[in-house]
């Protein structure tokens, strides 16, 4: 009877200890971590009483953690604005503008590859030197320069244009005239027009250029004009030297002479090149001077003509 009582008390004591252990629920990883008769529940990793071996002897359920990877694809939407060009039919009108010379009417000349002007006496039959202060502009067309007169028909026999650069840019014309078409004297040795100083004539100019020099020489049957940006290219202090010294250029014409063969019609002979004399040739050769003053436009056989 006493032994039974002792066993009962022991059982109660153990139950109290287990109850105390269960209340604490000690954490564990293995059974060694658990006190007394408790064991480690591998599912909860806590010490428990397992007298029947139904808790601790059951291995933990292997949980396969499915790795879920959520890939968020970043979609970039490129906004493309397609602008279709509008085809507009444009009608292009080609306008050709001819620049006209501007300046004092009657006192402005113009020179270009298609425009020839220079100064002459205001009245037919005037003297070149005497008109240096009263001369007016003449051109191929009255529209080439403001207030210009037109050259008489046949007055310009040849016209040779040239451009170049010396101290500055320049343009020029050289050629031959028929003095009789404007009543000029064939013995008139001519004179010079220019705009240096006060100008001869006063206020005269060449459109687009700062300076000009212009000689007309009826006795030599020639003329010359040069327009320059620099005064050094239009020398004016040697007018008596004549056109061919001041404005070098072409002063020739090809002639086809003819001879009378008895009662038959004129027969053409080989063409010749007639070149205007220089001022020095004219002054040094009386026969040449007389031939040129005779009224014959381009006299032959006086040392001026060569085979063309």
Foldseek 3Di string as FASTA:
>chain_A
DVVVVVVVVVVVVVVVVQVVQVVVFAAACFQVVGPDQWTAQNQVRTTHHDPPCPGNVDHHDDDDDDDDDDDDDDDDDDDDDDDDDDDDDDDDDDDDDDDAFDFDAFQEAEDDPPKDKDWDAPAFADAQVVQQQPIGMEICDCRRYHNHHHDQPQFFPDWDKDWDADVHTKIKIKEFGQSVSRNYALLRQWWKWKPPDCTRHGRHYYGPADIKIKIDGSVLRMIMMMGHNDVVLQDDPCGLQADCVRPPDFYKDKDFDWDDDPPDDTDTDAIKIFGGDTSVVCVVDVVSSCQSNVSPRGDPDPPGIDGD
